[in-house]
Amino acid sequence: VAREGREAWEAAAATVAGCGELEPEDDGLVVWPGGDPFARWPQDHPGMVRAPYAERVAAARFLRGLGNAAFGQGDAEAALEKYEKAARYLDKKWTRKAEDWERERAEKQVQAREMVPVLLNLAACCLRLRRFRECVSHCDRAHKLEQAGVHPPEVRWNPKVLLRRGKARVMLNEFEEGVADLQRAKALLPGDTGP
């Protein structure tokens, strides 16, 4: 009986042919249009789950660069996609184990420092795409991270947060809050009218 089962299995075995082979320098990663070599989610990228946090930060910086290039070319939708992806690479669940405390404390500082520009870029994209509620949300999160220690205590507000959030609030008919944000931004950066 065992022999018959083996013969049936051998008869049913499939042959894989013509599937292509990797070249010696090819690591098998797909490079998407626009030069993006990273999977949509960090946990889907080979080796990223167990990699040091610095590798996720490097990936996020690269993605932010791609987003900046797309935004500079006027493609806010493509930029938004890259910035969202960069934010996903920077996000991390913390273990809160005593033995990881010092390392994770340092990583959280790096995360906050790297995440704020990504969030501000997301806010700029959302303004351009008329997604005002999302813009306000990104600005609020950036401000919260900054208040947690990215900037020295004497820096109470980032003018870009106020400017972008103020513009979005005005467009949401939240005039009182929007004008207050814009006035604070103007006081911090007189003459600047950028996004």
C-alpha atoms as a PDB file:
ATOM      1  CA  VAL A   1       0.000   0.000   0.000  1.00  0.00           C
ATOM      2  CA  ALA A   2       2.823   2.410   0.866  1.00  0.00           C
ATOM      3  CA  ARG A   3       4.488   1.676  -2.462  1.00  0.00           C
ATOM      4  CA  GLU A   4       1.287   2.395  -4.403  1.00  0.00           C
ATOM      5  CA  GLY A   5       0.935   5.748  -2.599  1.00  0.00           C
ATOM      6  CA  ARG A   6       4.501   6.719  -3.504  1.00  0.00           C
ATOM      7  CA  GLU A   7       4.003   5.761  -7.174  1.00  0.00           C
ATOM      8  CA  ALA A   8       0.807   7.808  -7.313  1.00  0.00           C
ATOM      9  CA  TRP A   9       2.594  10.777  -5.755  1.00  0.00           C
ATOM     10  CA  GLU A  10       5.495  10.529  -8.226  1.00  0.00           C
ATOM     11  CA  ALA A  11       3.049  10.333 -11.140  1.00  0.00           C
ATOM     12  CA  ALA A  12       1.245  13.435  -9.887  1.00  0.00           C
ATOM     13  CA  ALA A  13       4.409  15.471  -9.177  1.00  0.00           C
ATOM     14  CA  ALA A  14       4.550  18.702 -11.115  1.00  0.00           C
ATOM     15  CA  THR A  15       7.460  19.898 -13.161  1.00  0.00           C
ATOM     16  CA  VAL A  16       8.286  23.597 -13.044  1.00  0.00           C
ATOM     17  CA  ALA A  17       9.819  24.802 -16.279  1.00  0.00           C
ATOM     18  CA  GLY A  18      10.417  28.140 -17.949  1.00  0.00           C
ATOM     19  CA  CYS A  19       9.891  30.136 -14.776  1.00  0.00           C
ATOM     20  CA  GLY A  20      13.029  32.228 -15.160  1.00  0.00           C
ATOM     21  CA  GLU A  21      16.071  32.489 -12.983  1.00  0.00           C
ATOM     22  CA  LEU A  22      17.491  35.283 -10.926  1.00  0.00           C
ATOM     23  CA  GLU A  23      20.708  36.808 -12.109  1.00  0.00           C
ATOM     24  CA  PRO A  24      23.542  36.735  -9.531  1.00  0.00           C
ATOM     25  CA  GLU A  25      23.129  40.476  -8.777  1.00  0.00           C
ATOM     26  CA  ASP A  26      19.312  40.284  -8.564  1.00  0.00           C
ATOM     27  CA  ASP A  27      17.962  40.053  -5.023  1.00  0.00           C
ATOM     28  CA  GLY A  28      14.435  39.313  -6.241  1.00  0.00           C
ATOM     29  CA  LEU A  29      12.919  42.574  -5.003  1.00  0.00           C
ATOM     30  CA  VAL A  30      10.550  44.350  -7.317  1.00  0.00           C
ATOM     31  CA  VAL A  31      11.439  47.959  -8.024  1.00  0.00           C
ATOM     32  CA  TRP A  32       8.187  49.779  -8.636  1.00  0.00           C
ATOM     33  CA  PRO A  33       7.831  52.615 -11.124  1.00  0.00           C
ATOM     34  CA  GLY A  34       9.513  55.694  -9.773  1.00  0.00           C
ATOM     35  CA  GLY A  35      12.380  53.725  -8.234  1.00  0.00           C
ATOM     36  CA  ASP A  36      10.618  52.515  -5.083  1.00  0.00           C
ATOM     37  CA  PRO A  37      12.160  49.200  -3.953  1.00  0.00           C
ATOM     38  CA  PHE A  38      10.144  48.852  -0.733  1.00  0.00           C
ATOM     39  CA  ALA A  39       7.084  46.708  -0.110  1.00  0.00           C
ATOM     40  CA  ARG A  40       3.851  48.549   0.669  1.00  0.00           C
ATOM     41  CA  TRP A  41       4.051  47.546   4.348  1.00  0.00           C
ATOM     42  CA  PRO A  42       7.313  47.107   6.287  1.00  0.00           C
ATOM     43  CA  GLN A  43       6.299  43.660   7.538  1.00  0.00           C
ATOM     44  CA  ASP A  44       6.031  42.527   3.884  1.00  0.00           C
ATOM     45  CA  HIS A  45       9.524  43.716   2.992  1.00  0.00           C
ATOM     46  CA  PRO A  46      12.135  40.930   3.230  1.00  0.00           C
ATOM     47  CA  GLY A  47      14.054  41.107   6.479  1.00  0.00           C
ATOM     48  CA  MET A  48      12.513  44.392   7.646  1.00  0.00           C
ATOM     49  CA  VAL A  49      10.624  42.943  10.624  1.00  0.00           C
ATOM     50  CA  ARG A  50      13.792  41.798  12.402  1.00  0.00           C
ATOM     51  CA  ALA A  51      16.038  44.545  11.033  1.00  0.00           C
ATOM     52  CA  PRO A  52      17.375  47.282  13.305  1.00  0.00           C
ATOM     53  CA  TYR A  53      15.116  50.325  13.508  1.00  0.00           C
ATOM     54  CA  ALA A  54      17.774  52.342  11.668  1.00  0.00           C
ATOM     55  CA  GLU A  55      16.981  50.371   8.496  1.00  0.00           C
ATOM     56  CA  ARG A  56      13.313  51.358   8.741  1.00  0.00           C
ATOM     57  CA  VAL A  57      14.379  54.974   9.212  1.00  0.00           C
ATOM     58  CA  ALA A  58      16.631  54.761   6.139  1.00  0.00           C
ATOM     59  CA  ALA A  59      13.734  53.330   4.121  1.00  0.00           C
ATOM     60  CA  ALA A  60      11.434  56.110   5.338  1.00  0.00           C
ATOM     61  CA  ARG A  61      13.979  58.770   4.371  1.00  0.00           C
ATOM     62  CA  PHE A  62      14.279  57.259   0.903  1.00  0.00           C
ATOM     63  CA  LEU A  63      10.493  57.170   0.537  1.00  0.00           C
ATOM     64  CA  ARG A  64      10.213  60.753   1.763  1.00  0.00           C
ATOM     65  CA  GLY A  65      12.705  61.727  -0.939  1.00  0.00           C
ATOM     66  CA  LEU A  66      10.531  60.065  -3.568  1.00  0.00           C
ATOM     67  CA  GLY A  67       7.519  61.899  -2.155  1.00  0.00           C
ATOM     68  CA  ASN A  68       9.377  65.209  -2.273  1.00  0.00           C
ATOM     69  CA  ALA A  69      10.271  64.599  -5.929  1.00  0.00           C
ATOM     70  CA  ALA A  70       6.651  63.788  -6.815  1.00  0.00           C
ATOM     71  CA  PHE A  71       5.355  66.827  -4.903  1.00  0.00           C
ATOM     72  CA  GLY A  72       7.898  69.036  -6.660  1.00  0.00           C
ATOM     73  CA  GLN A  73       6.593  67.781  -9.998  1.00  0.00           C
ATOM     74  CA  GLY A  74       3.046  68.667  -8.974  1.00  0.00           C
ATOM     75  CA  ASP A  75       1.860  65.091  -8.366  1.00  0.00           C
ATOM     76  CA  ALA A  76       0.356  65.437  -4.890  1.00  0.00           C
ATOM     77  CA  GLU A  77      -1.410  62.059  -5.093  1.00  0.00           C
ATOM     78  CA  ALA A  78       1.840  60.154  -5.760  1.00  0.00           C
ATOM     79  CA  ALA A  79       3.611  62.197  -3.071  1.00  0.00           C
ATOM     80  CA  LEU A  80       0.854  61.398  -0.585  1.00  0.00           C
ATOM     81  CA  GLU A  81       1.276  57.690  -1.290  1.00  0.00           C
ATOM     82  CA  LYS A  82       5.041  57.829  -0.641  1.00  0.00           C
ATOM     83  CA  TYR A  83       4.661  59.904   2.529  1.00  0.00           C
ATOM     84  CA  GLU A  84       2.009  57.512   3.879  1.00  0.00           C
ATOM     85  CA  LYS A  85       4.344  54.623   3.156  1.00  0.00           C
ATOM     86  CA  ALA A  86       7.224  56.440   4.894  1.00  0.00           C
ATOM     87  CA  ALA A  87       4.995  56.926   7.948  1.00  0.00           C
ATOM     88  CA  ARG A  88       4.192  53.203   7.988  1.00  0.00           C
ATOM     89  CA  TYR A  89       7.916  52.384   7.964  1.00  0.00           C
ATOM     90  CA  LEU A  90       8.520  54.783  10.869  1.00  0.00           C
ATOM     91  CA  ASP A  91       5.640  53.413  12.950  1.00  0.00           C
ATOM     92  CA  LYS A  92       6.683  50.718  15.371  1.00  0.00           C
ATOM     93  CA  LYS A  93       5.108  48.829  18.221  1.00  0.00           C
ATOM     94  CA  TRP A  94       7.194  49.193  21.350  1.00  0.00           C
ATOM     95  CA  THR A  95       7.800  46.194  23.617  1.00  0.00           C
ATOM     96  CA  ARG A  96       8.024  48.101  26.921  1.00  0.00           C
ATOM     97  CA  LYS A  97      10.363  45.438  28.270  1.00  0.00           C
ATOM     98  CA  ALA A  98      12.860  46.646  30.849  1.00  0.00           C
ATOM     99  CA  GLU A  99      15.802  45.260  28.891  1.00  0.00           C
ATOM    100  CA  ASP A 100      14.715  47.193  25.773  1.00  0.00           C
ATOM    101  CA  TRP A 101      13.951  50.457  27.555  1.00  0.00           C
ATOM    102  CA  GLU A 102      17.119  52.421  26.723  1.00  0.00           C
ATOM    103  CA  ARG A 103      17.222  51.325  23.064  1.00  0.00           C
ATOM    104  CA  GLU A 104      13.520  52.000  22.556  1.00  0.00           C
ATOM    105  CA  ARG A 105      13.779  55.396  24.228  1.00  0.00           C
ATOM    106  CA  ALA A 106      16.441  56.387  21.694  1.00  0.00           C
ATOM    107  CA  GLU A 107      14.385  54.912  18.834  1.00  0.00           C
ATOM    108  CA  LYS A 108      11.298  56.870  19.922  1.00  0.00           C
ATOM    109  CA  GLN A 109      13.299  60.094  19.750  1.00  0.00           C
ATOM    110  CA  VAL A 110      14.490  59.208  16.253  1.00  0.00           C
ATOM    111  CA  GLN A 111      10.949  58.265  15.283  1.00  0.00           C
ATOM    112  CA  ALA A 112       9.537  61.589  16.453  1.00  0.00           C
ATOM    113  CA  ARG A 113      12.290  63.586  14.756  1.00  0.00           C
ATOM    114  CA  GLU A 114      11.767  61.733  11.450  1.00  0.00           C
ATOM    115  CA  MET A 115       7.974  61.544  11.627  1.00  0.00           C
ATOM    116  CA  VAL A 116       7.294  65.275  12.027  1.00  0.00           C
ATOM    117  CA  PRO A 117       8.527  66.244   8.523  1.00  0.00           C
ATOM    118  CA  VAL A 118       6.646  63.291   7.029  1.00  0.00           C
ATOM    119  CA  LEU A 119       3.430  64.413   8.747  1.00  0.00           C
ATOM    120  CA  LEU A 120       3.937  68.008   7.618  1.00  0.00           C
ATOM    121  CA  ASN A 121       4.471  66.787   4.051  1.00  0.00           C
ATOM    122  CA  LEU A 122       1.306  64.698   4.319  1.00  0.00           C
ATOM    123  CA  ALA A 123      -0.521  67.822   5.492  1.00  0.00           C
ATOM    124  CA  ALA A 124       0.782  69.802   2.485  1.00  0.00           C
ATOM    125  CA  CYS A 125      -0.449  67.059   0.124  1.00  0.00           C
ATOM    126  CA  CYS A 126      -3.833  66.957   1.821  1.00  0.00           C
ATOM    127  CA  LEU A 127      -4.155  70.736   1.452  1.00  0.00           C
ATOM    128  CA  ARG A 128      -3.389  70.498  -2.255  1.00  0.00           C
ATOM    129  CA  LEU A 129      -5.830  67.594  -2.664  1.00  0.00           C
ATOM    130  CA  ARG A 130      -8.526  69.413  -0.659  1.00  0.00           C
ATOM    131  CA  ARG A 131      -8.577  66.732   2.055  1.00  0.00           C
ATOM    132  CA  PHE A 132      -8.771  69.295   4.821  1.00  0.00           C
ATOM    133  CA  ARG A 133      -9.852  67.105   7.746  1.00  0.00           C
ATOM    134  CA  GLU A 134      -6.881  64.787   7.117  1.00  0.00           C
ATOM    135  CA  CYS A 135      -4.602  67.833   6.947  1.00  0.00           C
ATOM    136  CA  VAL A 136      -5.754  68.956  10.391  1.00  0.00           C
ATOM    137  CA  SER A 137      -5.217  65.426  11.740  1.00  0.00           C
ATOM    138  CA  HIS A 138      -1.646  65.230  10.403  1.00  0.00           C
ATOM    139  CA  CYS A 139      -0.854  68.668  11.833  1.00  0.00           C
ATOM    140  CA  ASP A 140      -2.255  67.724  15.240  1.00  0.00           C
ATOM    141  CA  ARG A 141      -0.169  64.547  15.315  1.00  0.00           C
ATOM    142  CA  ALA A 142       2.976  66.454  14.280  1.00  0.00           C
ATOM    143  CA  HIS A 143       2.373  68.995  17.049  1.00  0.00           C
ATOM    144  CA  LYS A 144       1.852  66.247  19.616  1.00  0.00           C
ATOM    145  CA  LEU A 145       5.151  64.609  18.622  1.00  0.00           C
ATOM    146  CA  GLU A 146       6.954  67.935  18.799  1.00  0.00           C
ATOM    147  CA  GLN A 147       5.554  68.626  22.246  1.00  0.00           C
ATOM    148  CA  ALA A 148       6.800  65.205  23.360  1.00  0.00           C
ATOM    149  CA  GLY A 149      10.367  66.376  23.002  1.00  0.00           C
ATOM    150  CA  VAL A 150      11.466  66.820  19.407  1.00  0.00           C
ATOM    151  CA  HIS A 151      12.005  70.535  19.905  1.00  0.00           C
ATOM    152  CA  PRO A 152      13.330  72.386  22.947  1.00  0.00           C
ATOM    153  CA  PRO A 153      10.642  73.496  25.436  1.00  0.00           C
ATOM    154  CA  GLU A 154      10.910  77.159  24.398  1.00  0.00           C
ATOM    155  CA  VAL A 155       9.650  76.247  20.902  1.00  0.00           C
ATOM    156  CA  ARG A 156       5.934  75.969  21.582  1.00  0.00           C
ATOM    157  CA  TRP A 157       4.689  75.751  17.999  1.00  0.00           C
ATOM    158  CA  ASN A 158       6.083  74.865  14.620  1.00  0.00           C
ATOM    159  CA  PRO A 159       4.901  77.610  12.233  1.00  0.00           C
ATOM    160  CA  LYS A 160       4.341  75.073   9.428  1.00  0.00           C
ATOM    161  CA  VAL A 161       1.905  73.169  11.651  1.00  0.00           C
ATOM    162  CA  LEU A 162      -0.014  76.370  12.367  1.00  0.00           C
ATOM    163  CA  LEU A 163       0.016  77.569   8.766  1.00  0.00           C
ATOM    164  CA  ARG A 164      -1.192  74.311   7.231  1.00  0.00           C
ATOM    165  CA  ARG A 165      -3.701  73.584   9.961  1.00  0.00           C
ATOM    166  CA  GLY A 166      -5.000  77.165   9.814  1.00  0.00           C
ATOM    167  CA  LYS A 167      -5.551  76.998   6.048  1.00  0.00           C
ATOM    168  CA  ALA A 168      -7.335  73.661   6.373  1.00  0.00           C
ATOM    169  CA  ARG A 169      -9.546  74.905   9.216  1.00  0.00           C
ATOM    170  CA  VAL A 170     -10.582  77.956   7.210  1.00  0.00           C
ATOM    171  CA  MET A 171     -11.531  75.679   4.308  1.00  0.00           C
ATOM    172  CA  LEU A 172     -13.574  73.577   6.778  1.00  0.00           C
ATOM    173  CA  ASN A 173     -15.438  76.738   7.831  1.00  0.00           C
ATOM    174  CA  GLU A 174     -13.778  76.621  11.241  1.00  0.00           C
ATOM    175  CA  PHE A 175     -12.927  80.291  10.849  1.00  0.00           C
ATOM    176  CA  GLU A 176     -12.189  81.229  14.450  1.00  0.00           C
ATOM    177  CA  GLU A 177      -9.687  78.389  14.990  1.00  0.00           C
ATOM    178  CA  GLY A 178      -8.229  78.775  11.500  1.00  0.00           C
ATOM    179  CA  VAL A 179      -7.635  82.494  11.808  1.00  0.00           C
ATOM    180  CA  ALA A 180      -6.089  81.992  15.264  1.00  0.00           C
ATOM    181  CA  ASP A 181      -3.645  79.426  13.811  1.00  0.00           C
ATOM    182  CA  LEU A 182      -2.792  81.701  10.878  1.00  0.00           C
ATOM    183  CA  GLN A 183      -2.195  84.686  13.159  1.00  0.00           C
ATOM    184  CA  ARG A 184       0.137  82.645  15.383  1.00  0.00           C
ATOM    185  CA  ALA A 185       1.985  81.388  12.290  1.00  0.00           C
ATOM    186  CA  LYS A 186       2.337  84.950  10.979  1.00  0.00           C
ATOM    187  CA  ALA A 187       3.729  86.093  14.317  1.00  0.00           C
ATOM    188  CA  LEU A 188       6.324  83.308  14.208  1.00  0.00           C
ATOM    189  CA  LEU A 189       7.214  83.732  10.504  1.00  0.00           C
ATOM    190  CA  PRO A 190       6.304  87.184   9.231  1.00  0.00           C
ATOM    191  CA  GLY A 191       6.336  87.282   5.429  1.00  0.00           C
ATOM    192  CA  ASP A 192       6.067  83.508   4.881  1.00  0.00           C
ATOM    193  CA  THR A 193       2.973  82.413   2.934  1.00  0.00           C
ATOM    194  CA  GLY A 194       4.102  78.916   1.862  1.00  0.00           C
ATOM    195  CA  PRO A 195       1.968  75.794   2.245  1.00  0.00           C
END
